[in-house]
N, C-alpha and C. Protein backbone atom coordinates (compact mmCIF):
# COMPACT_ATOMS: atom_id res chain seq x y z
N UNK A 1 0.83 -22.01 9.75
CA UNK A 1 0.86 -23.24 8.98
C UNK A 1 -0.16 -24.20 9.59
N UNK A 2 -0.94 -24.86 8.76
CA UNK A 2 -1.92 -25.84 9.22
C UNK A 2 -1.56 -27.22 8.72
N UNK A 3 -2.34 -28.19 9.14
CA UNK A 3 -2.14 -29.56 8.67
C UNK A 3 -3.43 -30.02 8.00
N UNK A 4 -3.32 -31.05 7.20
CA UNK A 4 -4.46 -31.60 6.49
C UNK A 4 -4.21 -33.08 6.25
N UNK A 5 -5.23 -33.79 5.78
CA UNK A 5 -5.11 -35.22 5.50
C UNK A 5 -5.52 -35.50 4.06
N UNK A 6 -5.00 -36.59 3.54
CA UNK A 6 -5.39 -37.08 2.23
C UNK A 6 -6.64 -37.92 2.40
N UNK A 7 -7.69 -37.63 1.65
CA UNK A 7 -8.94 -38.39 1.77
C UNK A 7 -8.86 -39.70 0.99
N UNK A 8 -9.85 -40.54 1.17
CA UNK A 8 -9.89 -41.82 0.44
C UNK A 8 -10.06 -41.59 -1.07
N UNK A 9 -10.50 -40.40 -1.44
CA UNK A 9 -10.66 -40.05 -2.87
C UNK A 9 -9.42 -39.35 -3.42
N UNK A 10 -8.37 -39.23 -2.61
CA UNK A 10 -7.14 -38.59 -3.06
C UNK A 10 -7.20 -37.07 -2.99
N UNK A 11 -8.12 -36.53 -2.21
CA UNK A 11 -8.28 -35.09 -2.11
C UNK A 11 -7.61 -34.54 -0.85
N UNK A 12 -7.15 -33.31 -0.96
CA UNK A 12 -6.56 -32.61 0.17
C UNK A 12 -7.29 -31.28 0.32
N UNK A 13 -7.68 -30.95 1.53
CA UNK A 13 -8.32 -29.66 1.79
C UNK A 13 -7.24 -28.69 2.26
N UNK A 14 -7.12 -27.57 1.57
CA UNK A 14 -6.16 -26.55 1.98
C UNK A 14 -6.77 -25.75 3.12
N UNK A 15 -6.01 -25.46 4.15
CA UNK A 15 -6.54 -24.69 5.28
C UNK A 15 -7.11 -23.35 4.81
N UNK A 16 -8.21 -22.95 5.45
CA UNK A 16 -8.89 -21.71 5.09
C UNK A 16 -7.96 -20.51 5.15
N UNK A 17 -7.09 -20.47 6.16
CA UNK A 17 -6.17 -19.34 6.29
C UNK A 17 -5.26 -19.21 5.07
N UNK A 18 -4.84 -20.34 4.51
CA UNK A 18 -3.98 -20.33 3.32
C UNK A 18 -4.78 -19.85 2.11
N UNK A 19 -5.99 -20.37 1.93
CA UNK A 19 -6.85 -19.98 0.80
C UNK A 19 -7.14 -18.48 0.85
N UNK A 20 -7.47 -17.98 2.03
CA UNK A 20 -7.78 -16.55 2.17
C UNK A 20 -6.55 -15.69 1.92
N UNK A 21 -5.41 -16.10 2.46
CA UNK A 21 -4.18 -15.32 2.29
C UNK A 21 -3.80 -15.21 0.81
N UNK A 22 -4.06 -16.24 0.04
CA UNK A 22 -3.71 -16.27 -1.38
C UNK A 22 -4.84 -15.77 -2.28
N UNK A 23 -6.04 -15.64 -1.72
CA UNK A 23 -7.18 -15.21 -2.54
C UNK A 23 -7.69 -16.30 -3.46
N UNK A 24 -7.50 -17.55 -3.09
CA UNK A 24 -7.94 -18.68 -3.91
C UNK A 24 -9.41 -18.96 -3.65
N UNK A 25 -10.20 -18.88 -4.70
CA UNK A 25 -11.63 -19.14 -4.64
C UNK A 25 -11.92 -20.55 -5.16
N UNK A 26 -13.11 -21.09 -4.88
CA UNK A 26 -13.48 -22.39 -5.46
C UNK A 26 -13.34 -22.32 -6.98
N UNK A 27 -12.81 -23.37 -7.56
CA UNK A 27 -12.60 -23.42 -9.01
C UNK A 27 -11.20 -23.03 -9.44
N UNK A 28 -10.39 -22.50 -8.53
CA UNK A 28 -9.01 -22.15 -8.87
C UNK A 28 -8.28 -23.43 -9.29
N UNK A 29 -7.59 -23.37 -10.42
CA UNK A 29 -6.86 -24.54 -10.92
C UNK A 29 -5.39 -24.45 -10.53
N UNK A 30 -4.83 -25.61 -10.25
CA UNK A 30 -3.44 -25.69 -9.81
C UNK A 30 -2.66 -26.67 -10.67
N UNK A 31 -1.36 -26.43 -10.74
CA UNK A 31 -0.42 -27.38 -11.33
C UNK A 31 0.25 -28.07 -10.16
N UNK A 32 0.30 -29.40 -10.18
CA UNK A 32 0.90 -30.18 -9.11
C UNK A 32 2.16 -30.83 -9.65
N UNK A 33 3.28 -30.58 -8.99
CA UNK A 33 4.56 -31.13 -9.43
C UNK A 33 5.20 -31.90 -8.29
N UNK A 34 5.63 -33.11 -8.58
CA UNK A 34 6.35 -33.91 -7.58
C UNK A 34 7.78 -33.37 -7.48
N UNK A 35 8.26 -33.21 -6.25
CA UNK A 35 9.64 -32.75 -6.02
C UNK A 35 10.32 -33.75 -5.10
N UNK A 36 11.62 -33.56 -4.88
CA UNK A 36 12.36 -34.44 -3.97
C UNK A 36 11.80 -34.38 -2.56
N UNK A 37 11.39 -33.17 -2.15
CA UNK A 37 10.91 -32.97 -0.79
C UNK A 37 9.43 -33.26 -0.61
N UNK A 38 8.68 -33.40 -1.67
CA UNK A 38 7.24 -33.64 -1.56
C UNK A 38 6.51 -33.21 -2.81
N UNK A 39 5.61 -32.24 -2.66
CA UNK A 39 4.78 -31.79 -3.77
C UNK A 39 4.81 -30.27 -3.82
N UNK A 40 4.91 -29.73 -5.02
CA UNK A 40 4.86 -28.29 -5.23
C UNK A 40 3.53 -27.97 -5.90
N UNK A 41 2.79 -27.05 -5.33
CA UNK A 41 1.47 -26.66 -5.82
C UNK A 41 1.53 -25.21 -6.24
N UNK A 42 1.14 -24.90 -7.48
CA UNK A 42 1.11 -23.50 -7.91
C UNK A 42 -0.13 -23.26 -8.77
N UNK A 43 -0.60 -22.03 -8.76
CA UNK A 43 -1.79 -21.67 -9.52
C UNK A 43 -1.49 -21.79 -11.01
N UNK A 44 -2.41 -22.39 -11.73
CA UNK A 44 -2.27 -22.55 -13.17
C UNK A 44 -2.54 -21.21 -13.85
N UNK A 45 -1.64 -20.81 -14.74
CA UNK A 45 -1.84 -19.57 -15.48
C UNK A 45 -2.58 -19.90 -16.77
N UNK A 46 -3.39 -18.96 -17.27
CA UNK A 46 -4.19 -19.26 -18.47
C UNK A 46 -3.35 -19.45 -19.72
N UNK A 47 -2.15 -18.88 -19.75
CA UNK A 47 -1.29 -18.99 -20.92
C UNK A 47 0.11 -19.37 -20.47
N UNK A 48 0.84 -20.11 -21.29
CA UNK A 48 2.22 -20.41 -20.90
C UNK A 48 3.04 -19.12 -20.84
N UNK A 49 3.97 -19.10 -19.93
CA UNK A 49 4.84 -17.93 -19.79
C UNK A 49 5.69 -17.79 -21.05
N UNK A 50 5.77 -16.58 -21.58
CA UNK A 50 6.57 -16.33 -22.78
C UNK A 50 7.49 -15.15 -22.54
N UNK A 51 8.50 -15.07 -23.32
CA UNK A 51 9.43 -13.95 -23.28
C UNK A 51 9.16 -13.07 -24.49
N UNK A 52 9.38 -11.78 -24.34
CA UNK A 52 9.13 -10.84 -25.43
C UNK A 52 9.87 -11.23 -26.70
N UNK A 53 11.10 -11.70 -26.55
CA UNK A 53 11.89 -12.08 -27.73
C UNK A 53 11.23 -13.20 -28.53
N UNK A 54 10.41 -14.04 -27.86
CA UNK A 54 9.75 -15.15 -28.56
C UNK A 54 8.57 -14.69 -29.41
N UNK A 55 7.99 -13.55 -29.09
CA UNK A 55 6.79 -13.11 -29.80
C UNK A 55 6.96 -11.78 -30.52
N UNK A 56 8.02 -11.04 -30.23
CA UNK A 56 8.23 -9.74 -30.84
C UNK A 56 8.33 -9.88 -32.35
N UNK A 57 7.57 -9.09 -33.04
CA UNK A 57 7.61 -9.12 -34.50
C UNK A 57 6.82 -10.26 -35.11
N UNK A 58 6.00 -10.95 -34.33
CA UNK A 58 5.27 -12.09 -34.87
C UNK A 58 4.09 -11.65 -35.74
N UNK A 59 3.63 -10.42 -35.58
CA UNK A 59 2.56 -9.90 -36.42
C UNK A 59 3.18 -8.95 -37.41
N UNK A 60 3.16 -9.33 -38.65
CA UNK A 60 3.79 -8.52 -39.69
C UNK A 60 2.83 -7.43 -40.16
N UNK A 61 3.37 -6.29 -40.49
CA UNK A 61 2.61 -5.18 -41.03
C UNK A 61 3.27 -4.75 -42.32
N UNK A 62 2.47 -4.68 -43.37
CA UNK A 62 2.98 -4.19 -44.65
C UNK A 62 2.37 -2.82 -44.89
N UNK A 63 3.19 -1.87 -45.11
CA UNK A 63 2.71 -0.51 -45.33
C UNK A 63 3.65 0.49 -44.70
N UNK A 64 3.25 1.75 -44.78
CA UNK A 64 4.08 2.80 -44.21
C UNK A 64 3.99 2.75 -42.69
N UNK A 65 5.10 3.01 -42.00
CA UNK A 65 5.06 3.02 -40.54
C UNK A 65 4.09 4.08 -40.03
N UNK A 66 3.43 3.79 -38.91
CA UNK A 66 2.47 4.71 -38.29
C UNK A 66 3.13 5.40 -37.11
N UNK A 67 2.73 6.62 -36.87
CA UNK A 67 3.24 7.35 -35.70
C UNK A 67 2.45 6.92 -34.47
N UNK A 68 2.96 7.24 -33.30
CA UNK A 68 2.24 6.93 -32.07
C UNK A 68 0.88 7.63 -32.04
N UNK A 69 0.83 8.86 -32.54
CA UNK A 69 -0.43 9.60 -32.58
C UNK A 69 -1.45 8.89 -33.48
N UNK A 70 -1.01 8.41 -34.64
CA UNK A 70 -1.91 7.69 -35.54
C UNK A 70 -2.41 6.39 -34.89
N UNK A 71 -1.53 5.68 -34.20
CA UNK A 71 -1.95 4.45 -33.54
C UNK A 71 -2.94 4.74 -32.42
N UNK A 72 -2.69 5.80 -31.65
CA UNK A 72 -3.61 6.17 -30.57
C UNK A 72 -4.98 6.52 -31.11
N UNK A 73 -5.03 7.27 -32.19
CA UNK A 73 -6.32 7.63 -32.80
C UNK A 73 -7.05 6.39 -33.31
N UNK A 74 -6.33 5.46 -33.90
CA UNK A 74 -6.96 4.23 -34.40
C UNK A 74 -7.54 3.42 -33.25
N UNK A 75 -6.85 3.36 -32.13
CA UNK A 75 -7.34 2.65 -30.95
C UNK A 75 -8.61 3.32 -30.43
N UNK A 76 -8.60 4.65 -30.35
CA UNK A 76 -9.78 5.39 -29.88
C UNK A 76 -10.99 5.14 -30.79
N UNK A 77 -10.77 5.16 -32.11
CA UNK A 77 -11.88 4.92 -33.04
C UNK A 77 -12.44 3.52 -32.87
N UNK A 78 -11.55 2.52 -32.75
CA UNK A 78 -12.01 1.14 -32.58
C UNK A 78 -12.75 0.97 -31.26
N UNK A 79 -12.27 1.59 -30.19
CA UNK A 79 -12.95 1.50 -28.90
C UNK A 79 -14.32 2.15 -28.98
N UNK A 80 -14.42 3.27 -29.68
CA UNK A 80 -15.71 3.94 -29.86
C UNK A 80 -16.69 3.08 -30.62
N UNK A 81 -16.23 2.41 -31.67
CA UNK A 81 -17.11 1.51 -32.45
C UNK A 81 -17.61 0.37 -31.58
N UNK A 82 -16.71 -0.23 -30.80
CA UNK A 82 -17.11 -1.34 -29.91
C UNK A 82 -18.12 -0.87 -28.87
N UNK A 83 -17.89 0.31 -28.32
CA UNK A 83 -18.81 0.84 -27.30
C UNK A 83 -20.20 1.06 -27.91
N UNK A 84 -20.24 1.70 -29.09
CA UNK A 84 -21.53 1.97 -29.72
C UNK A 84 -22.28 0.68 -30.05
N UNK A 85 -21.55 -0.35 -30.49
CA UNK A 85 -22.20 -1.65 -30.78
C UNK A 85 -22.75 -2.26 -29.51
N UNK A 86 -21.97 -2.18 -28.41
CA UNK A 86 -22.41 -2.76 -27.13
C UNK A 86 -23.64 -2.04 -26.59
N UNK A 87 -23.71 -0.72 -26.75
CA UNK A 87 -24.84 0.06 -26.24
C UNK A 87 -26.09 -0.23 -27.06
N UNK A 88 -25.94 -0.48 -28.34
CA UNK A 88 -27.09 -0.73 -29.22
C UNK A 88 -27.76 -2.06 -28.94
N UNK A 89 -27.08 -2.99 -28.32
CA UNK A 89 -27.66 -4.32 -28.08
C UNK A 89 -28.73 -4.31 -27.07
């Protein structure tokens, strides 16, 4: 555990050992929350946390159900098209 100071600009430098242990690089964004004991700092996630029940079935499909084999083949075809487009550029 290290110590740090609050600068006149309101900045705090996190000790290098903490940054390295967590893999935090320059530009890492954090959420800062005031708590009873002080401040809680956590890495900001790009998307809010969701539960499967909140999003399951949100994309509707009209048509006959597809088998796993049909879905796998469709994914392979789409990946192939994307690859060929990327190579042509």
